[in-house]
Amino acid sequence: MNANGLSRQLVEAEDTVRALQQELAETNRGLIALAMELESRVDERTVDLRTTQEELQRTSSELLQMTLELEDRVDQRMAELREANERLQHELEERQRAEEALRRKDEELRTISQQLWQAAKLATMGELAASIAHELNNPLATVSLRVESLLAQIGEDDPKRRALTVIEQEVERMGNLVSNLLQFSRRGQAQISSIDVREELENTLALIYYHLRNHRITVVRQFASDVPMLHADRQQLRQVFLNLLTNASDAMPQGGTLTLGVTLGQLEPSMPAVSITFTDTGIGIAPEDIPRVMDPFFTTKEEGKGTGLGLAICRRIMQEHHGTIEVSSTVGQGTTIRLTLSRTNGSNGLYL
């Protein structure tokens, strides 16, 4: 190849290089412009993201603040609800206590009303018994005087004397019965005196002797000989004895044995006392009923046969005498009621 050909090729090559350089420069300018545009867009996007992030942070902070405020409000409301609930609970307890107190007062009122009614009935019966006893005294006195006159007129060997003696004894017994009835029916303030519980038991037995006999009840006396005198209200103790004797009789509808015991005993703490027991062979008391037998209006008797006040009155009288009353029983075998009274002078009648 000659020199002209090479020169022409060299020129063409240079032209091609210059063209390529121009294209490369334009491409670089385009890339730079594109890079600048991308960088601008990235900056704009970064600003947008930063703005969005700041907004999210503000929103999160606001949500956190709202959450805290809501929690505070919930806590405050819960505290108010707890306080209101405590007030309601306190009011409910107060109301329950008031209802319980009202119920007790109502029971006390019913008890007092029933006791007043029972006392009025007993007072009426006592007045009637006293009236009858006074009416009986006159003919008994007449019969007694007539029998004494007849006995004075006949000799010791006269066969009629035995009959008249029996009449005299029966009239005397009737006179004693009327005297006991009059003494029992008298009302008034408590009167403390020295009494022999064995004698008072005998006097009370005389009042219901025929009742016990008609119910086929045998009375067994187990009285100690060394029992001292007590200071007590005679009439109140007779009322206790009469209630317990009547209860024992009611517990033995088919008859049985009633054992009366009087022995030396002891009250706590180490106080000398006299123990009086009433033991029957009756139907007994169920174990679940024993703690309630002295509650007012509680009775195990058939409807119409008991007021439920007898043992309650006995307990009150024993408490007033600083004594005790205890009940033990076995169903089908019988019941024992033990009275214990202090034998220290004056202690069992101090607050009557």
Protein backbone atom coordinates (compact mmCIF):
# COMPACT_ATOMS: atom_id res chain seq x y z
CA MET A 1 0.00 0.00 0.00
CA ASN A 2 1.31 3.49 -0.97
CA ALA A 3 1.64 6.49 1.26
CA ASN A 4 -1.48 8.19 0.04
CA GLY A 5 -3.61 5.25 1.01
CA LEU A 6 -2.16 5.15 4.47
CA SER A 7 -2.66 8.83 4.96
CA ARG A 8 -6.26 8.57 3.91
CA GLN A 9 -6.86 5.70 6.29
CA LEU A 10 -5.11 7.55 9.06
CA VAL A 11 -7.32 10.57 8.46
CA GLU A 12 -10.40 8.38 8.48
CA ALA A 13 -9.24 6.76 11.68
CA GLU A 14 -8.68 10.12 13.27
CA ASP A 15 -12.12 11.24 12.14
CA THR A 16 -13.62 8.10 13.62
CA VAL A 17 -11.76 8.65 16.88
CA ARG A 18 -12.91 12.27 17.01
CA ALA A 19 -16.48 11.14 16.33
CA LEU A 20 -16.23 8.54 19.03
CA GLN A 21 -14.75 11.08 21.41
CA GLN A 22 -17.61 13.46 20.67
CA GLU A 23 -20.16 10.68 21.24
CA LEU A 24 -18.36 9.68 24.43
CA ALA A 25 -18.35 13.28 25.61
CA GLU A 26 -22.06 13.59 24.86
CA THR A 27 -22.69 10.30 26.64
CA ASN A 28 -20.71 11.52 29.63
CA ARG A 29 -22.64 14.75 29.64
CA GLY A 30 -25.87 12.73 29.48
CA LEU A 31 -24.71 10.46 32.29
CA ILE A 32 -23.68 13.45 34.38
CA ALA A 33 -27.04 15.10 33.74
CA LEU A 34 -28.79 11.82 34.58
CA ALA A 35 -26.67 11.41 37.73
CA MET A 36 -27.45 14.96 38.76
CA GLU A 37 -31.15 14.39 38.11
CA LEU A 38 -31.04 11.12 40.09
CA GLU A 39 -29.17 12.85 42.88
CA SER A 40 -31.77 15.61 42.89
CA ARG A 41 -34.55 13.08 42.97
CA VAL A 42 -32.78 11.13 45.72
CA ASP A 43 -32.40 14.35 47.71
CA GLU A 44 -36.05 15.15 47.19
CA ARG A 45 -37.01 11.61 48.19
CA THR A 46 -34.70 11.80 51.16
CA VAL A 47 -36.36 15.04 52.22
CA ASP A 48 -39.76 13.43 51.76
CA LEU A 49 -38.68 10.40 53.76
CA ARG A 50 -37.21 12.61 56.47
CA THR A 51 -40.42 14.60 56.57
CA THR A 52 -42.46 11.43 56.67
CA GLN A 53 -40.20 10.05 59.43
CA GLU A 54 -40.58 13.24 61.42
CA GLU A 55 -44.35 13.08 60.95
CA LEU A 56 -44.31 9.43 62.03
CA GLN A 57 -42.25 10.34 65.07
CA ARG A 58 -44.65 13.16 65.93
CA THR A 59 -47.59 10.80 65.38
CA SER A 60 -45.92 8.12 67.51
CA SER A 61 -45.22 10.68 70.22
CA GLU A 62 -48.79 11.88 70.08
CA LEU A 63 -50.07 8.28 70.19
CA LEU A 64 -47.79 7.57 73.15
CA GLN A 65 -49.03 10.68 74.89
CA MET A 66 -52.64 9.73 74.17
CA THR A 67 -51.94 6.19 75.41
CA LEU A 68 -50.45 7.54 78.63
CA GLU A 69 -53.38 9.91 79.09
CA LEU A 70 -55.79 7.08 78.37
CA GLU A 71 -54.02 4.84 80.89
CA ASP A 72 -54.18 7.65 83.45
CA ARG A 73 -57.87 8.09 82.76
CA VAL A 74 -58.44 4.32 82.95
CA ASP A 75 -56.49 4.14 86.23
CA GLN A 76 -58.42 7.10 87.59
CA ARG A 77 -61.71 5.57 86.48
CA MET A 78 -60.73 2.19 87.97
CA ALA A 79 -59.83 3.92 91.23
CA GLU A 80 -63.19 5.70 91.19
CA LEU A 81 -64.96 2.40 90.46
CA ARG A 82 -63.04 0.65 93.26
CA GLU A 83 -63.91 3.46 95.64
CA ALA A 84 -67.55 3.32 94.56
CA ASN A 85 -67.52 -0.46 94.93
CA GLU A 86 -66.02 -0.18 98.41
CA ARG A 87 -68.68 2.37 99.32
CA LEU A 88 -71.39 0.08 97.97
CA GLN A 89 -69.88 -2.89 99.83
CA HIS A 90 -69.71 -0.85 103.03
CA GLU A 91 -73.28 0.34 102.55
CA LEU A 92 -74.34 -3.25 101.85
CA GLU A 93 -72.60 -4.47 105.02
CA GLU A 94 -74.17 -1.63 107.00
CA ARG A 95 -77.55 -2.53 105.59
CA GLN A 96 -77.04 -6.21 106.38
CA ARG A 97 -76.00 -5.31 109.93
CA ALA A 98 -79.01 -3.04 110.23
CA GLU A 99 -81.29 -5.80 108.91
CA GLU A 100 -79.72 -8.28 111.33
CA ALA A 101 -80.16 -5.84 114.21
CA LEU A 102 -83.74 -5.24 113.12
CA ARG A 103 -84.34 -8.98 112.93
CA ARG A 104 -82.91 -9.44 116.44
CA LYS A 105 -85.00 -6.57 117.73
CA ASP A 106 -88.05 -8.11 116.08
CA GLU A 107 -87.28 -11.47 117.70
CA GLU A 108 -86.74 -9.74 121.05
CA LEU A 109 -90.03 -7.92 120.63
CA ARG A 110 -91.80 -11.16 119.76
CA THR A 111 -90.15 -12.84 122.74
CA ILE A 112 -91.14 -10.04 125.09
CA SER A 113 -94.67 -9.96 123.67
CA GLN A 114 -94.99 -13.71 124.05
CA GLN A 115 -93.57 -13.56 127.57
CA LEU A 116 -95.99 -10.77 128.47
CA TRP A 117 -98.85 -12.77 127.04
CA GLN A 118 -97.67 -15.86 128.90
CA ALA A 119 -97.22 -13.84 132.10
CA ALA A 120 -100.70 -12.38 131.74
CA LYS A 121 -102.12 -15.85 131.17
CA LEU A 122 -100.26 -17.23 134.17
CA ALA A 123 -101.38 -14.27 136.26
CA THR A 124 -104.99 -14.92 135.28
CA MET A 125 -104.61 -18.61 136.04
CA GLY A 126 -102.94 -17.71 139.33
CA GLU A 127 -105.80 -15.41 140.29
CA LEU A 128 -108.29 -18.10 139.33
CA ALA A 129 -106.34 -20.71 141.31
CA ALA A 130 -106.15 -18.37 144.30
CA SER A 131 -109.88 -17.74 144.11
CA ILE A 132 -110.61 -21.46 143.95
CA ALA A 133 -108.15 -22.14 146.77
CA HIS A 134 -109.85 -19.54 148.98
CA GLU A 135 -113.21 -21.09 148.20
CA LEU A 136 -111.85 -24.52 149.12
CA ASN A 137 -110.31 -23.31 152.37
CA ASN A 138 -113.67 -22.63 154.04
CA PRO A 139 -115.27 -26.07 153.48
CA LEU A 140 -111.96 -27.76 154.27
CA ALA A 141 -111.75 -25.88 157.56
CA THR A 142 -115.34 -26.87 158.33
CA VAL A 143 -114.66 -30.54 157.53
CA SER A 144 -111.45 -30.44 159.58
CA LEU A 145 -113.21 -28.98 162.61
CA ARG A 146 -116.05 -31.48 162.30
CA VAL A 147 -113.63 -34.41 162.05
CA GLU A 148 -111.71 -33.18 165.09
CA SER A 149 -114.98 -32.90 166.99
CA LEU A 150 -116.02 -36.44 166.01
CA LEU A 151 -112.61 -37.83 166.93
CA ALA A 152 -112.86 -36.18 170.33
CA GLN A 153 -116.27 -37.82 170.89
CA ILE A 154 -115.37 -41.42 170.06
CA GLY A 155 -113.06 -43.74 171.89
CA GLU A 156 -109.72 -45.07 170.80
CA ASP A 157 -111.14 -48.53 170.15
CA ASP A 158 -114.08 -47.36 168.08
CA PRO A 159 -113.94 -48.94 164.55
CA LYS A 160 -115.05 -45.60 163.08
CA ARG A 161 -111.92 -43.88 164.39
CA ARG A 162 -109.71 -45.32 161.63
CA ALA A 163 -111.98 -43.93 158.91
CA LEU A 164 -112.13 -40.54 160.61
CA THR A 165 -108.33 -40.52 160.96
CA VAL A 166 -107.95 -41.19 157.23
CA ILE A 167 -110.39 -38.35 156.51
CA GLU A 168 -108.43 -36.05 158.83
CA GLN A 169 -105.16 -36.91 157.07
CA GLU A 170 -106.66 -36.35 153.61
CA VAL A 171 -108.19 -33.03 154.69
CA GLU A 172 -104.81 -31.97 156.05
CA ARG A 173 -103.15 -32.99 152.77
CA MET A 174 -105.75 -31.04 150.80
CA GLY A 175 -105.15 -28.06 153.09
CA ASN A 176 -101.41 -28.24 152.40
CA LEU A 177 -102.09 -28.49 148.68
CA VAL A 178 -104.33 -25.42 148.79
CA SER A 179 -101.70 -23.57 150.82
CA ASN A 180 -98.99 -24.42 148.26
CA LEU A 181 -101.30 -23.36 145.44
CA LEU A 182 -101.96 -20.02 147.12
CA GLN A 183 -98.29 -19.45 147.75
CA PHE A 184 -97.38 -20.33 144.17
CA SER A 185 -100.03 -18.01 142.69
CA ARG A 186 -98.87 -14.95 144.62
CA ARG A 187 -97.11 -12.30 142.53
CA GLY A 188 -94.69 -9.60 143.58
CA GLN A 189 -91.04 -8.60 143.78
CA ALA A 190 -88.33 -11.19 144.21
CA GLN A 191 -88.02 -12.28 147.82
CA ILE A 192 -84.75 -13.88 148.86
CA SER A 193 -84.93 -16.27 151.77
CA SER A 194 -83.21 -19.35 153.13
CA ILE A 195 -84.74 -22.43 151.55
CA ASP A 196 -84.26 -26.17 151.57
CA VAL A 197 -84.39 -27.32 147.93
CA ARG A 198 -85.55 -30.78 149.01
CA GLU A 199 -88.55 -29.30 150.77
CA GLU A 200 -89.32 -27.04 147.80
CA LEU A 201 -89.16 -30.03 145.48
CA GLU A 202 -91.61 -31.88 147.68
CA ASN A 203 -93.96 -28.89 147.77
CA THR A 204 -93.83 -28.60 143.99
CA LEU A 205 -94.39 -32.33 143.57
CA ALA A 206 -97.51 -31.99 145.68
CA LEU A 207 -98.95 -29.60 143.09
CA ILE A 208 -98.76 -32.14 140.27
CA TYR A 209 -98.87 -35.38 142.26
CA TYR A 210 -102.10 -36.57 140.68
CA HIS A 211 -100.96 -35.49 137.22
CA LEU A 212 -97.85 -37.66 137.55
CA ARG A 213 -99.83 -40.54 139.00
CA ASN A 214 -102.41 -40.42 136.22
CA HIS A 215 -99.60 -40.57 133.67
CA ARG A 216 -98.15 -43.65 135.39
CA ILE A 217 -94.92 -41.87 136.33
CA THR A 218 -92.99 -43.12 139.33
CA VAL A 219 -90.98 -40.53 141.22
CA VAL A 220 -87.69 -41.67 142.75
CA ARG A 221 -86.03 -39.35 145.26
CA GLN A 222 -82.26 -39.41 145.71
CA PHE A 223 -81.73 -36.61 148.23
CA ALA A 224 -78.43 -36.28 150.08
CA SER A 225 -78.76 -35.69 153.81
CA ASP A 226 -76.02 -33.06 154.09
CA VAL A 227 -77.46 -30.46 151.68
CA PRO A 228 -77.23 -26.95 153.16
CA MET A 229 -79.83 -24.21 152.95
CA LEU A 230 -79.69 -21.83 149.98
CA HIS A 231 -80.44 -18.13 149.62
CA ALA A 232 -82.87 -17.87 146.70
CA ASP A 233 -86.31 -16.74 145.60
CA ARG A 234 -88.68 -19.50 146.65
CA GLN A 235 -91.38 -18.76 144.07
CA GLN A 236 -88.97 -18.55 141.16
CA LEU A 237 -87.32 -21.84 142.05
CA ARG A 238 -90.74 -23.47 142.36
CA GLN A 239 -91.54 -22.16 138.89
CA VAL A 240 -88.34 -23.78 137.57
CA PHE A 241 -89.13 -27.06 139.32
CA LEU A 242 -92.71 -27.07 138.06
CA ASN A 243 -91.59 -26.41 134.46
CA LEU A 244 -89.03 -29.21 134.59
CA LEU A 245 -91.44 -31.68 136.22
CA THR A 246 -94.07 -30.88 133.59
CA ASN A 247 -91.55 -31.29 130.75
CA ALA A 248 -90.43 -34.65 132.16
CA SER A 249 -94.05 -35.79 132.36
CA ASP A 250 -94.69 -34.73 128.74
CA ALA A 251 -91.57 -36.66 127.64
CA MET A 252 -93.03 -39.92 129.06
CA PRO A 253 -96.50 -40.25 127.46
CA GLN A 254 -96.52 -44.00 128.17
CA GLY A 255 -95.32 -43.58 131.74
CA GLY A 256 -91.87 -44.10 133.19
CA THR A 257 -89.55 -43.14 136.02
CA LEU A 258 -88.62 -39.64 137.10
CA THR A 259 -85.55 -39.52 139.33
CA LEU A 260 -84.94 -36.39 141.38
CA GLY A 261 -81.47 -35.91 142.80
CA VAL A 262 -80.11 -33.36 145.26
CA THR A 263 -76.39 -33.51 146.06
CA LEU A 264 -73.45 -31.29 146.83
CA GLY A 265 -71.85 -29.85 143.70
CA GLN A 266 -69.48 -27.19 142.48
CA LEU A 267 -69.55 -24.12 140.27
CA GLU A 268 -66.53 -22.75 138.48
CA PRO A 269 -64.14 -21.61 139.72
CA SER A 270 -64.15 -23.88 142.78
CA MET A 271 -67.35 -22.46 144.23
CA PRO A 272 -69.33 -24.81 146.51
CA ALA A 273 -72.82 -25.45 145.19
CA VAL A 274 -75.91 -27.64 145.33
CA SER A 275 -76.73 -29.80 142.33
CA ILE A 276 -80.36 -30.68 141.48
CA THR A 277 -81.06 -33.22 138.73
CA PHE A 278 -84.24 -34.23 136.92
CA THR A 279 -83.78 -37.52 135.05
CA ASP A 280 -86.61 -39.06 133.03
CA THR A 281 -86.89 -42.24 130.97
CA GLY A 282 -88.71 -40.50 128.14
CA ILE A 283 -88.27 -40.15 124.41
CA GLY A 284 -85.13 -38.00 124.66
CA ILE A 285 -83.96 -35.03 122.60
CA ALA A 286 -82.17 -35.22 119.25
CA PRO A 287 -78.49 -34.11 119.45
CA GLU A 288 -79.03 -31.32 116.91
CA ASP A 289 -81.89 -29.90 119.03
CA ILE A 290 -80.04 -29.78 122.37
CA PRO A 291 -78.23 -26.45 121.66
CA ARG A 292 -81.61 -24.84 120.85
CA VAL A 293 -83.91 -26.23 123.55
CA MET A 294 -83.49 -23.11 125.71
CA ASP A 295 -84.10 -20.65 122.86
CA PRO A 296 -87.40 -18.77 123.20
CA PHE A 297 -90.25 -20.33 121.17
CA PHE A 298 -88.27 -23.47 120.31
CA THR A 299 -90.14 -26.62 121.27
CA THR A 300 -90.05 -30.28 120.27
CA LYS A 301 -93.60 -30.84 121.49
CA GLU A 302 -96.59 -31.18 119.22
CA GLU A 303 -98.27 -27.99 118.07
CA GLY A 304 -100.57 -26.66 120.74
CA LYS A 305 -98.78 -28.51 123.56
CA GLY A 306 -95.96 -26.09 124.24
CA THR A 307 -95.05 -22.42 123.93
CA GLY A 308 -91.28 -22.93 123.79
CA LEU A 309 -90.81 -20.59 126.77
CA GLY A 310 -90.52 -23.03 129.69
CA LEU A 311 -86.79 -23.76 129.48
CA ALA A 312 -86.04 -20.19 128.39
CA ILE A 313 -87.68 -18.94 131.59
CA CYS A 314 -85.80 -21.57 133.61
CA ARG A 315 -82.49 -20.42 132.13
CA ARG A 316 -83.28 -16.77 132.88
CA ILE A 317 -84.17 -17.58 136.51
CA MET A 318 -81.00 -19.64 136.93
CA GLN A 319 -78.89 -16.83 135.48
CA GLU A 320 -80.50 -14.37 137.87
CA HIS A 321 -79.50 -16.71 140.71
CA HIS A 322 -75.93 -16.95 139.33
CA GLY A 323 -76.52 -20.64 138.70
CA THR A 324 -76.35 -22.91 135.67
CA ILE A 325 -78.71 -25.23 133.81
CA GLU A 326 -77.38 -28.08 131.66
CA VAL A 327 -79.17 -30.55 129.40
CA SER A 328 -77.97 -34.00 128.37
CA SER A 329 -80.11 -36.48 126.50
CA THR A 330 -80.11 -39.71 124.53
CA VAL A 331 -82.88 -40.38 122.04
CA GLY A 332 -85.00 -43.30 123.20
CA GLN A 333 -83.42 -43.42 126.67
CA GLY A 334 -84.27 -40.16 128.38
CA THR A 335 -83.11 -36.71 129.42
CA THR A 336 -81.25 -35.29 132.41
CA ILE A 337 -81.43 -31.63 133.36
CA ARG A 338 -78.97 -30.45 135.98
CA LEU A 339 -79.41 -27.26 137.99
CA THR A 340 -76.44 -25.96 139.95
CA LEU A 341 -76.88 -23.21 142.55
CA SER A 342 -74.18 -21.61 144.65
CA ARG A 343 -74.41 -22.41 148.35
CA THR A 344 -72.33 -19.37 149.34
CA ASN A 345 -74.51 -17.11 151.44
CA GLY A 346 -76.14 -14.40 149.40
CA SER A 347 -74.23 -14.95 146.13
CA ASN A 348 -77.12 -16.60 144.29
CA GLY A 349 -79.60 -13.89 145.17
CA LEU A 350 -77.42 -10.83 145.00
CA TYR A 351 -78.81 -9.29 141.81
CA LEU A 352 -82.41 -10.50 141.95
